[in-house]
Amino acid sequence: MKSSDGFNPRRLRPRGQRNWGARLGAVLAAVLAMLGILLTLAGLATLVGHPPQATGMDLSTTGAIVLAVGGLMVLYLGVLFWRLCRRRMRRGGALDMSPHLMRKHD
C-alpha cells in the first residue's frame, strides 16, 4: 500500500489523557473525607464524655451535636466529590461503546 507524503499515522492515535486535575481533586476529596471523619469522631467523643484536648472548641452538648453533624456532612461531601473525580478519571477519551459490550471493572 502506498502512503502519501503528508501522511502521519501518529495523528490517528488518540492522545493520552491528561487527568491531573481529576487526580488532584480526588486527593483533595480524600483529605476532605478524612477531615469529616475526624470532626465526627471529635463530636461523638464529646457527647460520650471524653472531650478532645483542643482549645477554642465548644464543649457543650449542643456544640458536640453540631460538630458531629457538621463532620458527617463534610464526610458526605468528600465521598461524593471523590466519586465524581474517580468517575472522571475512569472515563475514556475514545469512542463510547455500548455498556453490555465492555468488560466489567470493579
N, C-alpha and C. Protein backbone atom coordinates (compact mmCIF):
# COMPACT_ATOMS: atom_id res chain seq x y z
N MET A 1 0.84 -1.18 0.00
CA MET A 1 0.00 0.00 0.00
C MET A 1 0.88 1.24 0.00
N LYS A 2 0.56 2.14 -0.84
CA LYS A 2 1.36 3.35 -0.98
C LYS A 2 0.79 4.45 -0.08
N SER A 3 1.67 5.10 0.67
CA SER A 3 1.22 6.21 1.52
C SER A 3 1.67 7.53 0.91
N SER A 4 0.87 8.52 1.14
CA SER A 4 1.22 9.83 0.60
C SER A 4 2.30 10.48 1.46
N ASP A 5 2.85 11.54 0.95
CA ASP A 5 3.97 12.20 1.65
C ASP A 5 3.54 12.87 2.95
N GLY A 6 2.33 13.38 3.00
CA GLY A 6 1.89 14.11 4.18
C GLY A 6 1.18 13.25 5.21
N PHE A 7 1.23 11.94 5.06
CA PHE A 7 0.50 11.05 5.98
C PHE A 7 1.33 10.79 7.23
N ASN A 8 0.73 10.97 8.37
CA ASN A 8 1.40 10.71 9.64
C ASN A 8 0.49 9.81 10.47
N PRO A 9 0.84 8.54 10.67
CA PRO A 9 -0.06 7.65 11.40
C PRO A 9 -0.22 8.01 12.87
N ARG A 10 0.71 8.74 13.44
CA ARG A 10 0.59 9.11 14.85
C ARG A 10 -0.57 10.06 15.11
N ARG A 11 -0.96 10.77 14.07
CA ARG A 11 -2.11 11.68 14.23
C ARG A 11 -3.41 10.91 14.45
N LEU A 12 -3.46 9.68 13.96
CA LEU A 12 -4.70 8.91 14.07
C LEU A 12 -4.90 8.35 15.47
N ARG A 13 -3.83 8.16 16.20
CA ARG A 13 -3.95 7.60 17.56
C ARG A 13 -4.42 8.68 18.52
N PRO A 14 -5.28 8.30 19.44
CA PRO A 14 -5.73 9.30 20.43
C PRO A 14 -4.59 9.64 21.38
N ARG A 15 -4.54 10.89 21.76
CA ARG A 15 -3.52 11.32 22.71
C ARG A 15 -3.85 10.79 24.10
N GLY A 16 -2.82 10.64 24.89
CA GLY A 16 -3.02 10.18 26.26
C GLY A 16 -3.80 11.18 27.08
N GLN A 17 -4.54 10.67 28.03
CA GLN A 17 -5.37 11.56 28.84
C GLN A 17 -4.52 12.39 29.78
N ARG A 18 -4.92 13.60 29.95
CA ARG A 18 -4.28 14.47 30.93
C ARG A 18 -5.31 14.71 32.03
N ASN A 19 -5.27 13.88 33.03
CA ASN A 19 -6.28 13.96 34.08
C ASN A 19 -5.65 14.33 35.42
N TRP A 20 -4.67 15.25 35.39
CA TRP A 20 -4.07 15.69 36.65
C TRP A 20 -5.07 16.44 37.51
N GLY A 21 -5.98 17.15 36.88
CA GLY A 21 -7.00 17.86 37.65
C GLY A 21 -7.91 16.90 38.40
N ALA A 22 -8.27 15.80 37.75
CA ALA A 22 -9.11 14.82 38.42
C ALA A 22 -8.36 14.12 39.54
N ARG A 23 -7.08 13.86 39.32
CA ARG A 23 -6.28 13.22 40.38
C ARG A 23 -6.12 14.14 41.58
N LEU A 24 -5.83 15.40 41.31
CA LEU A 24 -5.69 16.36 42.40
C LEU A 24 -7.02 16.54 43.14
N GLY A 25 -8.12 16.57 42.38
CA GLY A 25 -9.43 16.66 43.01
C GLY A 25 -9.74 15.44 43.87
N ALA A 26 -9.33 14.25 43.43
CA ALA A 26 -9.56 13.04 44.22
C ALA A 26 -8.76 13.07 45.51
N VAL A 27 -7.54 13.59 45.45
CA VAL A 27 -6.72 13.69 46.66
C VAL A 27 -7.34 14.69 47.64
N LEU A 28 -7.78 15.84 47.12
CA LEU A 28 -8.41 16.83 47.99
C LEU A 28 -9.72 16.31 48.58
N ALA A 29 -10.45 15.54 47.79
CA ALA A 29 -11.70 14.96 48.29
C ALA A 29 -11.42 13.93 49.38
N ALA A 30 -10.35 13.16 49.24
CA ALA A 30 -9.99 12.19 50.28
C ALA A 30 -9.58 12.90 51.56
N VAL A 31 -8.86 14.00 51.43
CA VAL A 31 -8.49 14.79 52.62
C VAL A 31 -9.74 15.37 53.27
N LEU A 32 -10.68 15.82 52.46
CA LEU A 32 -11.94 16.36 52.98
C LEU A 32 -12.73 15.27 53.72
N ALA A 33 -12.73 14.07 53.18
CA ALA A 33 -13.43 12.96 53.85
C ALA A 33 -12.75 12.61 55.17
N MET A 34 -11.42 12.64 55.20
CA MET A 34 -10.72 12.36 56.46
C MET A 34 -11.00 13.43 57.51
N LEU A 35 -11.08 14.68 57.06
CA LEU A 35 -11.42 15.77 57.98
C LEU A 35 -12.82 15.57 58.54
N GLY A 36 -13.74 15.12 57.68
CA GLY A 36 -15.10 14.84 58.15
C GLY A 36 -15.13 13.73 59.18
N ILE A 37 -14.32 12.69 58.97
CA ILE A 37 -14.25 11.60 59.95
C ILE A 37 -13.72 12.11 61.28
N LEU A 38 -12.67 12.93 61.23
CA LEU A 38 -12.10 13.45 62.47
C LEU A 38 -13.07 14.36 63.22
N LEU A 39 -13.79 15.21 62.49
CA LEU A 39 -14.76 16.08 63.14
C LEU A 39 -15.91 15.28 63.75
N THR A 40 -16.36 14.27 63.04
CA THR A 40 -17.44 13.43 63.57
C THR A 40 -16.99 12.70 64.83
N LEU A 41 -15.78 12.15 64.81
CA LEU A 41 -15.28 11.45 65.99
C LEU A 41 -15.06 12.39 67.17
N ALA A 42 -14.63 13.62 66.91
CA ALA A 42 -14.46 14.59 67.99
C ALA A 42 -15.81 14.94 68.60
N GLY A 43 -16.83 15.11 67.75
CA GLY A 43 -18.16 15.41 68.28
C GLY A 43 -18.74 14.25 69.07
N LEU A 44 -18.57 13.02 68.57
CA LEU A 44 -19.09 11.87 69.29
C LEU A 44 -18.33 11.63 70.60
N ALA A 45 -17.02 11.88 70.59
CA ALA A 45 -16.25 11.73 71.83
C ALA A 45 -16.69 12.73 72.88
N THR A 46 -17.03 13.94 72.46
CA THR A 46 -17.51 14.94 73.40
C THR A 46 -18.87 14.54 73.96
N LEU A 47 -19.73 13.96 73.11
CA LEU A 47 -21.04 13.51 73.59
C LEU A 47 -20.92 12.37 74.58
N VAL A 48 -19.95 11.49 74.37
CA VAL A 48 -19.77 10.34 75.27
C VAL A 48 -19.21 10.80 76.62
N GLY A 49 -18.41 11.85 76.60
CA GLY A 49 -17.88 12.36 77.86
C GLY A 49 -16.38 12.45 77.88
N HIS A 50 -15.74 12.22 76.77
CA HIS A 50 -14.28 12.32 76.67
C HIS A 50 -13.93 13.39 75.65
N PRO A 51 -14.03 14.67 76.03
CA PRO A 51 -13.78 15.74 75.05
C PRO A 51 -12.32 15.77 74.62
N PRO A 52 -12.07 16.11 73.38
CA PRO A 52 -10.69 16.22 72.90
C PRO A 52 -9.98 17.41 73.56
N GLN A 53 -8.68 17.32 73.66
CA GLN A 53 -7.89 18.38 74.29
C GLN A 53 -7.53 19.45 73.27
N ALA A 54 -8.52 20.15 72.79
CA ALA A 54 -8.29 21.22 71.83
C ALA A 54 -8.85 22.51 72.40
N THR A 55 -8.10 23.57 72.26
CA THR A 55 -8.56 24.85 72.78
C THR A 55 -9.45 25.52 71.75
N GLY A 56 -10.41 26.26 72.22
CA GLY A 56 -11.28 27.01 71.34
C GLY A 56 -12.49 26.23 70.85
N MET A 57 -12.67 25.01 71.30
CA MET A 57 -13.83 24.23 70.87
C MET A 57 -14.94 24.35 71.91
N ASP A 58 -16.16 24.42 71.44
CA ASP A 58 -17.32 24.45 72.32
C ASP A 58 -17.55 23.04 72.85
N LEU A 59 -17.50 22.87 74.16
CA LEU A 59 -17.60 21.54 74.74
C LEU A 59 -18.98 21.24 75.29
N SER A 60 -19.98 22.06 74.96
CA SER A 60 -21.33 21.78 75.43
C SER A 60 -21.96 20.69 74.56
N THR A 61 -23.13 20.21 74.99
CA THR A 61 -23.82 19.16 74.26
C THR A 61 -24.26 19.64 72.89
N THR A 62 -24.76 20.87 72.83
CA THR A 62 -25.20 21.42 71.55
C THR A 62 -24.02 21.57 70.59
N GLY A 63 -22.91 22.04 71.09
CA GLY A 63 -21.72 22.18 70.26
C GLY A 63 -21.21 20.84 69.76
N ALA A 64 -21.31 19.81 70.60
CA ALA A 64 -20.87 18.48 70.20
C ALA A 64 -21.77 17.91 69.11
N ILE A 65 -23.07 18.15 69.24
CA ILE A 65 -24.00 17.67 68.22
C ILE A 65 -23.76 18.39 66.89
N VAL A 66 -23.54 19.70 66.96
CA VAL A 66 -23.26 20.47 65.75
C VAL A 66 -21.95 19.99 65.10
N LEU A 67 -20.96 19.70 65.93
CA LEU A 67 -19.68 19.22 65.43
C LEU A 67 -19.82 17.85 64.76
N ALA A 68 -20.59 16.96 65.36
CA ALA A 68 -20.79 15.62 64.80
C ALA A 68 -21.58 15.68 63.49
N VAL A 69 -22.65 16.47 63.47
CA VAL A 69 -23.46 16.57 62.25
C VAL A 69 -22.67 17.28 61.14
N GLY A 70 -21.95 18.32 61.50
CA GLY A 70 -21.11 19.01 60.52
C GLY A 70 -20.03 18.09 59.96
N GLY A 71 -19.45 17.26 60.82
CA GLY A 71 -18.46 16.29 60.36
C GLY A 71 -19.05 15.27 59.41
N LEU A 72 -20.28 14.83 59.70
CA LEU A 72 -20.95 13.89 58.78
C LEU A 72 -21.24 14.53 57.43
N MET A 73 -21.60 15.81 57.45
CA MET A 73 -21.86 16.49 56.18
C MET A 73 -20.57 16.67 55.38
N VAL A 74 -19.48 17.01 56.04
CA VAL A 74 -18.19 17.16 55.36
C VAL A 74 -17.74 15.80 54.82
N LEU A 75 -17.96 14.74 55.59
CA LEU A 75 -17.63 13.39 55.13
C LEU A 75 -18.44 13.03 53.89
N TYR A 76 -19.73 13.33 53.90
CA TYR A 76 -20.58 13.03 52.76
C TYR A 76 -20.14 13.79 51.52
N LEU A 77 -19.84 15.08 51.68
CA LEU A 77 -19.37 15.87 50.55
C LEU A 77 -18.03 15.37 50.02
N GLY A 78 -17.14 14.98 50.91
CA GLY A 78 -15.85 14.45 50.49
C GLY A 78 -15.99 13.16 49.69
N VAL A 79 -16.85 12.26 50.16
CA VAL A 79 -17.06 10.99 49.45
C VAL A 79 -17.74 11.25 48.10
N LEU A 80 -18.70 12.15 48.07
CA LEU A 80 -19.39 12.48 46.82
C LEU A 80 -18.42 13.08 45.81
N PHE A 81 -17.60 14.01 46.23
CA PHE A 81 -16.62 14.64 45.35
C PHE A 81 -15.58 13.62 44.89
N TRP A 82 -15.17 12.71 45.78
CA TRP A 82 -14.20 11.68 45.41
C TRP A 82 -14.77 10.76 44.34
N ARG A 83 -16.03 10.38 44.49
CA ARG A 83 -16.66 9.51 43.49
C ARG A 83 -16.78 10.20 42.14
N LEU A 84 -17.09 11.50 42.14
CA LEU A 84 -17.16 12.24 40.88
C LEU A 84 -15.80 12.32 40.20
N CYS A 85 -14.76 12.57 40.97
CA CYS A 85 -13.42 12.63 40.40
C CYS A 85 -12.96 11.26 39.92
N ARG A 86 -13.32 10.23 40.64
CA ARG A 86 -12.95 8.88 40.23
C ARG A 86 -13.65 8.50 38.92
N ARG A 87 -14.91 8.87 38.80
CA ARG A 87 -15.64 8.61 37.57
C ARG A 87 -15.02 9.38 36.40
N ARG A 88 -14.57 10.58 36.67
CA ARG A 88 -13.94 11.40 35.63
C ARG A 88 -12.61 10.80 35.19
N MET A 89 -11.85 10.22 36.14
CA MET A 89 -10.58 9.60 35.79
C MET A 89 -10.78 8.33 34.97
N ARG A 90 -11.84 7.59 35.24
CA ARG A 90 -12.08 6.33 34.54
C ARG A 90 -12.70 6.52 33.17
N ARG A 91 -13.24 7.67 32.91
CA ARG A 91 -13.88 7.91 31.62
C ARG A 91 -12.82 7.94 30.52
N GLY A 92 -13.07 7.19 29.49
CA GLY A 92 -12.12 7.12 28.39
C GLY A 92 -12.30 8.27 27.43
N GLY A 93 -11.26 8.56 26.68
CA GLY A 93 -11.34 9.63 25.71
C GLY A 93 -11.67 9.11 24.31
N ALA A 94 -11.86 7.81 24.18
CA ALA A 94 -12.12 7.22 22.88
C ALA A 94 -13.62 7.20 22.61
N LEU A 95 -14.00 6.48 21.56
CA LEU A 95 -15.41 6.36 21.22
C LEU A 95 -16.14 5.57 22.29
N ASP A 96 -17.36 5.94 22.55
CA ASP A 96 -18.16 5.23 23.54
C ASP A 96 -18.69 3.94 22.95
N MET A 97 -18.69 2.91 23.80
CA MET A 97 -19.25 1.62 23.39
C MET A 97 -20.48 1.34 24.23
N SER A 98 -21.24 0.43 23.75
CA SER A 98 -22.42 0.03 24.50
C SER A 98 -21.99 -0.63 25.80
N PRO A 99 -22.66 -0.36 26.94
CA PRO A 99 -22.21 -0.90 28.22
C PRO A 99 -22.17 -2.43 28.28
N HIS A 100 -23.03 -3.09 27.55
CA HIS A 100 -23.03 -4.56 27.65
C HIS A 100 -21.90 -5.18 26.85
N LEU A 101 -21.19 -4.40 26.02
CA LEU A 101 -20.07 -4.92 25.27
C LEU A 101 -18.74 -4.74 26.01
N MET A 102 -18.73 -3.91 27.03
CA MET A 102 -17.48 -3.63 27.74
C MET A 102 -17.28 -4.62 28.87
N ARG A 103 -16.02 -4.78 29.27
CA ARG A 103 -15.73 -5.65 30.40
C ARG A 103 -16.10 -4.95 31.68
N LYS A 104 -16.39 -5.75 32.69
CA LYS A 104 -16.76 -5.17 33.98
C LYS A 104 -15.51 -4.77 34.74
N HIS A 105 -15.53 -3.58 35.30
CA HIS A 105 -14.44 -3.10 36.15
C HIS A 105 -14.99 -2.97 37.56
N ASP A 106 -14.15 -3.25 38.53
CA ASP A 106 -14.50 -3.20 39.97
C ASP A 106 -15.43 -4.33 40.30
